[in-house]
N, C-alpha and C. Protein backbone atom coordinates (compact mmCIF):
# COMPACT_ATOMS: atom_id res chain seq x y z
N UNK A 1 174.97 338.47 89.98
CA UNK A 1 174.80 337.10 90.44
C UNK A 1 174.85 336.12 89.28
N UNK A 2 174.29 336.49 88.13
CA UNK A 2 174.28 335.60 86.98
C UNK A 2 175.69 335.39 86.44
N UNK A 3 176.54 336.41 86.56
CA UNK A 3 177.92 336.25 86.12
C UNK A 3 178.62 335.16 86.92
N UNK A 4 178.34 335.14 88.22
CA UNK A 4 178.95 334.14 89.10
C UNK A 4 178.50 332.73 88.70
N UNK A 5 177.19 332.58 88.44
CA UNK A 5 176.66 331.26 88.08
C UNK A 5 177.16 330.80 86.72
N UNK A 6 177.41 331.70 85.82
CA UNK A 6 177.91 331.33 84.49
C UNK A 6 179.40 331.00 84.52
N UNK A 7 180.05 331.47 85.51
CA UNK A 7 181.48 331.26 85.61
C UNK A 7 181.77 329.79 85.93
N UNK A 8 182.67 329.16 85.19
CA UNK A 8 183.01 327.76 85.40
C UNK A 8 183.69 327.51 86.73
N UNK A 9 184.32 328.52 87.28
CA UNK A 9 185.01 328.37 88.56
C UNK A 9 184.02 328.05 89.66
N UNK A 10 182.85 328.70 89.62
CA UNK A 10 181.83 328.45 90.64
C UNK A 10 181.40 326.98 90.62
N UNK A 11 181.14 326.45 89.43
CA UNK A 11 180.73 325.05 89.31
C UNK A 11 181.86 324.11 89.71
N UNK A 12 183.05 324.48 89.38
CA UNK A 12 184.21 323.67 89.77
C UNK A 12 184.32 323.60 91.30
N UNK A 13 184.13 324.72 91.97
CA UNK A 13 184.19 324.74 93.43
C UNK A 13 183.07 323.91 94.05
N UNK A 14 181.88 323.96 93.46
CA UNK A 14 180.76 323.14 93.95
C UNK A 14 181.10 321.65 93.78
N UNK A 15 181.68 321.30 92.65
CA UNK A 15 182.07 319.91 92.40
C UNK A 15 183.12 319.45 93.40
N UNK A 16 184.12 320.26 93.66
CA UNK A 16 185.16 319.92 94.63
C UNK A 16 184.56 319.74 96.02
N UNK A 17 183.67 320.62 96.41
CA UNK A 17 183.01 320.53 97.72
C UNK A 17 182.20 319.24 97.82
N UNK A 18 181.48 318.90 96.78
CA UNK A 18 180.68 317.67 96.79
C UNK A 18 181.57 316.43 96.89
N UNK A 19 182.65 316.41 96.12
CA UNK A 19 183.57 315.27 96.19
C UNK A 19 184.22 315.15 97.57
N UNK A 20 184.55 316.28 98.16
CA UNK A 20 185.15 316.28 99.50
C UNK A 20 184.17 315.71 100.53
N UNK A 21 182.90 316.10 100.44
CA UNK A 21 181.89 315.60 101.36
C UNK A 21 181.65 314.10 101.17
N UNK A 22 181.61 313.66 99.93
CA UNK A 22 181.42 312.23 99.66
C UNK A 22 182.59 311.42 100.21
N UNK A 23 183.79 311.90 99.95
CA UNK A 23 184.98 311.19 100.43
C UNK A 23 185.02 311.15 101.96
N UNK A 24 184.64 312.22 102.59
CA UNK A 24 184.68 312.30 104.04
C UNK A 24 183.65 311.42 104.73
N UNK A 25 182.50 311.23 104.09
CA UNK A 25 181.45 310.46 104.74
C UNK A 25 181.43 309.00 104.34
N UNK A 26 181.69 308.69 103.10
CA UNK A 26 181.54 307.31 102.63
C UNK A 26 182.85 306.55 102.50
N UNK A 27 183.91 307.22 102.17
CA UNK A 27 185.14 306.52 101.85
C UNK A 27 186.18 306.54 102.97
N UNK A 28 185.90 307.21 104.05
CA UNK A 28 186.91 307.28 105.11
C UNK A 28 186.90 305.99 105.93
N UNK A 29 188.08 305.51 106.24
CA UNK A 29 188.24 304.32 107.07
C UNK A 29 188.57 304.75 108.49
N UNK A 30 187.93 304.09 109.44
CA UNK A 30 188.26 304.38 110.82
C UNK A 30 189.63 303.78 111.12
N UNK A 31 190.46 304.51 111.85
CA UNK A 31 191.75 303.92 112.23
C UNK A 31 191.53 302.76 113.19
N UNK A 32 192.40 301.76 113.16
CA UNK A 32 192.22 300.62 114.06
C UNK A 32 192.36 301.03 115.52
N UNK A 33 191.61 300.35 116.36
CA UNK A 33 191.65 300.61 117.80
C UNK A 33 193.00 300.14 118.35
N UNK A 34 193.57 300.91 119.25
CA UNK A 34 194.84 300.52 119.88
C UNK A 34 194.54 299.56 121.02
N UNK A 35 195.35 298.52 121.12
CA UNK A 35 195.12 297.48 122.11
C UNK A 35 196.41 297.15 122.83
N UNK A 36 196.31 296.88 124.11
CA UNK A 36 197.44 296.44 124.91
C UNK A 36 197.95 295.11 124.37
N UNK A 37 199.25 294.92 124.33
CA UNK A 37 199.83 293.71 123.75
C UNK A 37 199.39 292.46 124.51
N UNK A 38 199.31 292.52 125.83
CA UNK A 38 198.89 291.35 126.62
C UNK A 38 197.45 290.95 126.28
N UNK A 39 196.57 291.93 126.09
CA UNK A 39 195.19 291.64 125.69
C UNK A 39 195.15 291.02 124.31
N UNK A 40 196.01 291.52 123.42
CA UNK A 40 196.07 290.97 122.07
C UNK A 40 196.49 289.49 122.10
N UNK A 41 197.51 289.17 122.90
CA UNK A 41 197.98 287.78 122.99
C UNK A 41 196.87 286.88 123.56
N UNK A 42 196.12 287.38 124.52
CA UNK A 42 194.98 286.61 125.05
C UNK A 42 193.95 286.33 123.96
N UNK A 43 193.70 287.33 123.11
CA UNK A 43 192.76 287.14 122.01
C UNK A 43 193.29 286.14 120.98
N UNK A 44 194.59 286.16 120.74
CA UNK A 44 195.20 285.19 119.83
C UNK A 44 195.03 283.77 120.39
N UNK A 45 195.34 283.61 121.67
CA UNK A 45 195.22 282.30 122.30
C UNK A 45 193.77 281.82 122.35
N UNK A 46 192.82 282.75 122.40
CA UNK A 46 191.40 282.39 122.43
C UNK A 46 190.86 282.10 121.02
N UNK A 47 191.68 282.30 119.99
CA UNK A 47 191.26 282.01 118.63
C UNK A 47 190.39 283.08 118.00
N UNK A 48 190.46 284.29 118.48
CA UNK A 48 189.64 285.38 117.97
C UNK A 48 190.26 286.12 116.78
N UNK A 49 191.55 285.93 116.55
CA UNK A 49 192.28 286.70 115.54
C UNK A 49 192.40 285.89 114.25
N UNK A 50 192.06 286.52 113.11
CA UNK A 50 192.11 285.85 111.82
C UNK A 50 193.39 286.16 111.04
N UNK A 51 193.81 287.42 111.02
CA UNK A 51 194.94 287.84 110.19
C UNK A 51 195.74 288.91 110.92
N UNK A 52 197.07 288.83 110.78
CA UNK A 52 197.94 289.83 111.40
C UNK A 52 198.97 290.29 110.39
N UNK A 53 199.13 291.61 110.31
CA UNK A 53 200.20 292.19 109.50
C UNK A 53 201.24 292.71 110.48
N UNK A 54 202.47 292.20 110.35
CA UNK A 54 203.57 292.62 111.22
C UNK A 54 204.37 293.69 110.48
N UNK A 55 204.41 294.88 111.04
CA UNK A 55 205.23 295.96 110.50
C UNK A 55 206.56 295.91 111.24
N UNK A 56 207.47 295.16 110.67
CA UNK A 56 208.70 294.79 111.36
C UNK A 56 209.57 295.98 111.73
N UNK A 57 209.66 296.96 110.87
CA UNK A 57 210.52 298.10 111.13
C UNK A 57 210.04 298.91 112.34
N UNK A 58 208.72 299.02 112.50
CA UNK A 58 208.15 299.83 113.58
C UNK A 58 207.81 299.01 114.82
N UNK A 59 207.94 297.68 114.74
CA UNK A 59 207.55 296.77 115.84
C UNK A 59 206.08 296.96 116.19
N UNK A 60 205.24 297.00 115.16
CA UNK A 60 203.81 297.19 115.31
C UNK A 60 203.09 296.06 114.59
N UNK A 61 201.95 295.65 115.15
CA UNK A 61 201.10 294.66 114.49
C UNK A 61 199.73 295.29 114.24
N UNK A 62 199.18 294.97 113.08
CA UNK A 62 197.81 295.36 112.74
C UNK A 62 197.05 294.06 112.57
N UNK A 63 196.04 293.84 113.41
CA UNK A 63 195.32 292.58 113.42
C UNK A 63 193.88 292.77 112.98
N UNK A 64 193.38 291.75 112.27
CA UNK A 64 191.98 291.70 111.90
C UNK A 64 191.37 290.50 112.63
N UNK A 65 190.34 290.77 113.39
CA UNK A 65 189.66 289.72 114.15
C UNK A 65 188.68 288.98 113.24
N UNK A 66 188.24 287.82 113.68
CA UNK A 66 187.29 287.02 112.91
C UNK A 66 185.95 287.72 112.75
N UNK A 67 185.62 288.63 113.66
CA UNK A 67 184.37 289.38 113.55
C UNK A 67 184.51 290.62 112.66
N UNK A 68 185.71 290.86 112.10
CA UNK A 68 185.93 291.97 111.18
C UNK A 68 186.53 293.21 111.80
N UNK A 69 186.58 293.29 113.12
CA UNK A 69 187.16 294.48 113.75
C UNK A 69 188.68 294.47 113.60
N UNK A 70 189.25 295.66 113.65
CA UNK A 70 190.70 295.79 113.47
C UNK A 70 191.31 296.46 114.69
N UNK A 71 192.51 296.00 115.06
CA UNK A 71 193.24 296.60 116.18
C UNK A 71 194.70 296.77 115.78
N UNK A 72 195.36 297.62 116.54
CA UNK A 72 196.78 297.89 116.33
C UNK A 72 197.46 297.81 117.68
N UNK A 73 198.64 297.21 117.71
CA UNK A 73 199.39 297.09 118.96
C UNK A 73 200.88 297.05 118.64
N UNK A 74 201.67 297.42 119.60
CA UNK A 74 203.12 297.29 119.44
C UNK A 74 203.57 296.07 120.22
N UNK A 75 204.69 295.51 119.81
CA UNK A 75 205.19 294.32 120.50
C UNK A 75 206.63 294.53 120.92
N UNK A 76 207.06 293.79 121.97
CA UNK A 76 208.42 293.97 122.49
C UNK A 76 209.50 293.61 121.46
N UNK A 77 210.64 294.21 121.60
CA UNK A 77 211.76 294.07 120.66
C UNK A 77 212.18 292.61 120.45
N UNK A 78 212.36 291.88 121.50
CA UNK A 78 212.90 290.52 121.39
C UNK A 78 211.84 289.42 121.44
N UNK A 79 210.60 289.77 121.22
CA UNK A 79 209.51 288.80 121.28
C UNK A 79 209.30 288.20 119.89
N UNK A 80 209.25 286.87 119.80
CA UNK A 80 209.05 286.20 118.51
C UNK A 80 207.55 286.11 118.22
N UNK A 81 207.02 287.22 117.73
CA UNK A 81 205.58 287.33 117.50
C UNK A 81 205.11 286.38 116.41
N UNK A 82 205.91 286.19 115.37
CA UNK A 82 205.50 285.32 114.26
C UNK A 82 205.32 283.89 114.73
N UNK A 83 206.21 283.41 115.56
CA UNK A 83 206.12 282.03 116.07
C UNK A 83 204.84 281.85 116.87
N UNK A 84 204.51 282.81 117.71
CA UNK A 84 203.30 282.75 118.53
C UNK A 84 202.05 282.73 117.65
N UNK A 85 202.04 283.57 116.63
CA UNK A 85 200.87 283.66 115.75
C UNK A 85 200.70 282.41 114.91
N UNK A 86 201.79 281.90 114.36
CA UNK A 86 201.72 280.70 113.53
C UNK A 86 201.31 279.48 114.33
N UNK A 87 201.75 279.40 115.58
CA UNK A 87 201.35 278.26 116.42
C UNK A 87 199.87 278.34 116.80
N UNK A 88 199.26 279.52 116.65
CA UNK A 88 197.84 279.69 116.97
C UNK A 88 196.97 279.71 115.70
N UNK A 89 197.53 279.29 114.57
CA UNK A 89 196.82 279.23 113.28
C UNK A 89 196.27 280.57 112.83
N UNK A 90 197.07 281.61 112.99
CA UNK A 90 196.71 282.95 112.52
C UNK A 90 197.46 283.21 111.22
N UNK A 91 196.76 283.77 110.24
CA UNK A 91 197.39 284.13 108.97
C UNK A 91 198.32 285.32 109.23
N UNK A 92 199.58 285.19 108.82
CA UNK A 92 200.59 286.21 109.14
C UNK A 92 201.15 286.80 107.85
N UNK A 93 201.28 288.13 107.86
CA UNK A 93 201.90 288.87 106.76
C UNK A 93 202.94 289.79 107.38
N UNK A 94 204.14 289.77 106.84
CA UNK A 94 205.21 290.62 107.37
C UNK A 94 205.55 291.69 106.34
N UNK A 95 205.63 292.93 106.80
CA UNK A 95 205.96 294.05 105.92
C UNK A 95 207.20 294.74 106.44
N UNK A 96 208.20 294.81 105.59
CA UNK A 96 209.42 295.54 105.91
C UNK A 96 209.36 296.85 105.16
N UNK A 97 209.54 297.96 105.86
CA UNK A 97 209.56 299.26 105.19
C UNK A 97 210.84 299.36 104.39
N UNK A 98 210.67 299.79 103.18
CA UNK A 98 211.81 299.96 102.30
C UNK A 98 212.34 301.38 102.46
N UNK A 99 213.56 301.50 102.87
CA UNK A 99 214.17 302.81 103.08
C UNK A 99 215.02 303.20 101.86
N UNK A 100 214.57 302.80 100.67
CA UNK A 100 215.33 303.07 99.45
C UNK A 100 215.54 304.56 99.22
N UNK A 101 214.49 305.35 99.44
CA UNK A 101 214.61 306.80 99.18
C UNK A 101 215.67 307.42 100.07
N UNK A 102 215.77 306.95 101.31
CA UNK A 102 216.78 307.49 102.22
C UNK A 102 218.17 307.08 101.77
N UNK A 103 218.30 305.84 101.33
CA UNK A 103 219.59 305.36 100.85
C UNK A 103 220.04 306.15 99.61
N UNK A 104 219.12 306.36 98.70
CA UNK A 104 219.46 307.12 97.49
C UNK A 104 219.83 308.55 97.86
N UNK A 105 219.07 309.15 98.75
CA UNK A 105 219.36 310.52 99.17
C UNK A 105 220.74 310.62 99.80
N UNK A 106 221.07 309.69 100.68
CA UNK A 106 222.37 309.73 101.34
C UNK A 106 223.52 309.47 100.38
N UNK A 107 223.28 308.70 99.34
CA UNK A 107 224.34 308.42 98.36
C UNK A 107 224.49 309.52 97.32
N UNK A 108 223.40 310.21 97.00
CA UNK A 108 223.44 311.22 95.95
C UNK A 108 223.73 312.62 96.50
N UNK A 109 223.33 312.88 97.73
CA UNK A 109 223.48 314.22 98.30
C UNK A 109 224.91 314.75 98.26
N UNK A 110 225.92 313.96 98.62
CA UNK A 110 227.29 314.51 98.55
C UNK A 110 227.69 314.93 97.14
N UNK A 111 227.25 314.17 96.13
CA UNK A 111 227.59 314.53 94.75
C UNK A 111 226.89 315.81 94.33
N UNK A 112 225.64 315.96 94.72
CA UNK A 112 224.91 317.19 94.40
C UNK A 112 225.58 318.38 95.07
N UNK A 113 225.96 318.22 96.31
CA UNK A 113 226.64 319.28 97.04
C UNK A 113 227.98 319.62 96.38
N UNK A 114 228.74 318.60 96.01
CA UNK A 114 230.03 318.82 95.37
C UNK A 114 229.88 319.58 94.05
N UNK A 115 228.95 319.15 93.21
CA UNK A 115 228.77 319.81 91.92
C UNK A 115 228.21 321.22 92.08
N UNK A 116 227.34 321.43 93.07
CA UNK A 116 226.81 322.78 93.24
C UNK A 116 227.90 323.73 93.74
N UNK A 117 228.77 323.28 94.62
CA UNK A 117 229.88 324.11 95.10
C UNK A 117 230.84 324.40 93.95
N UNK A 118 231.13 323.38 93.14
CA UNK A 118 232.04 323.55 92.00
C UNK A 118 231.42 324.52 90.98
N UNK A 119 230.13 324.40 90.74
CA UNK A 119 229.45 325.28 89.80
C UNK A 119 229.51 326.73 90.27
N UNK A 120 229.23 326.93 91.56
CA UNK A 120 229.27 328.30 92.09
C UNK A 120 230.69 328.85 92.13
N UNK A 121 231.67 328.01 92.40
CA UNK A 121 233.06 328.47 92.39
C UNK A 121 233.48 328.87 90.98
N UNK A 122 233.04 328.10 89.98
CA UNK A 122 233.36 328.44 88.60
C UNK A 122 232.67 329.74 88.19
N UNK A 123 231.44 329.92 88.63
CA UNK A 123 230.71 331.16 88.31
C UNK A 123 231.39 332.37 88.96
N UNK A 124 231.84 332.20 90.19
CA UNK A 124 232.53 333.30 90.87
C UNK A 124 233.86 333.60 90.19
N UNK A 125 234.54 332.59 89.72
CA UNK A 125 235.84 332.79 89.05
C UNK A 125 235.64 333.58 87.75
N UNK A 126 234.55 333.33 87.05
CA UNK A 126 234.27 334.05 85.82
C UNK A 126 233.97 335.52 86.11
N UNK A 127 233.35 335.81 87.23
CA UNK A 127 233.02 337.19 87.57
C UNK A 127 234.28 337.99 87.90
N UNK A 128 235.30 337.34 88.43
CA UNK A 128 236.51 338.05 88.81
C UNK A 128 237.38 338.42 87.61
N UNK A 129 237.15 337.82 86.49
CA UNK A 129 237.98 338.11 85.30
C UNK A 129 237.64 339.41 84.68
């Protein structure tokens, strides 16, 4: 038993467990409550909403109410949500997801494939000699 206690791995595991428990209890954020879009618009018109983040790519809004609660809702494709929010004096933030990694992958993948096929063909040609 004393060998186990002297071993640094045991203390490391205890530290990891403690950090995991602290993170799980104190640092975890509750996900925002999902709300029907019509109910959300009623709350906007009633002046209950303070800030809205529009996730344009996903057609989702994340709203913070004046009382501090947070909600999430989706909005229709052709609905001008920003105009409605700005006319109701709500602070608006728009976030566009950047698909840069996908663009780079689609542009680089053919070259990687071409060079790997060429490399393997050259290696096979050397084996035949």
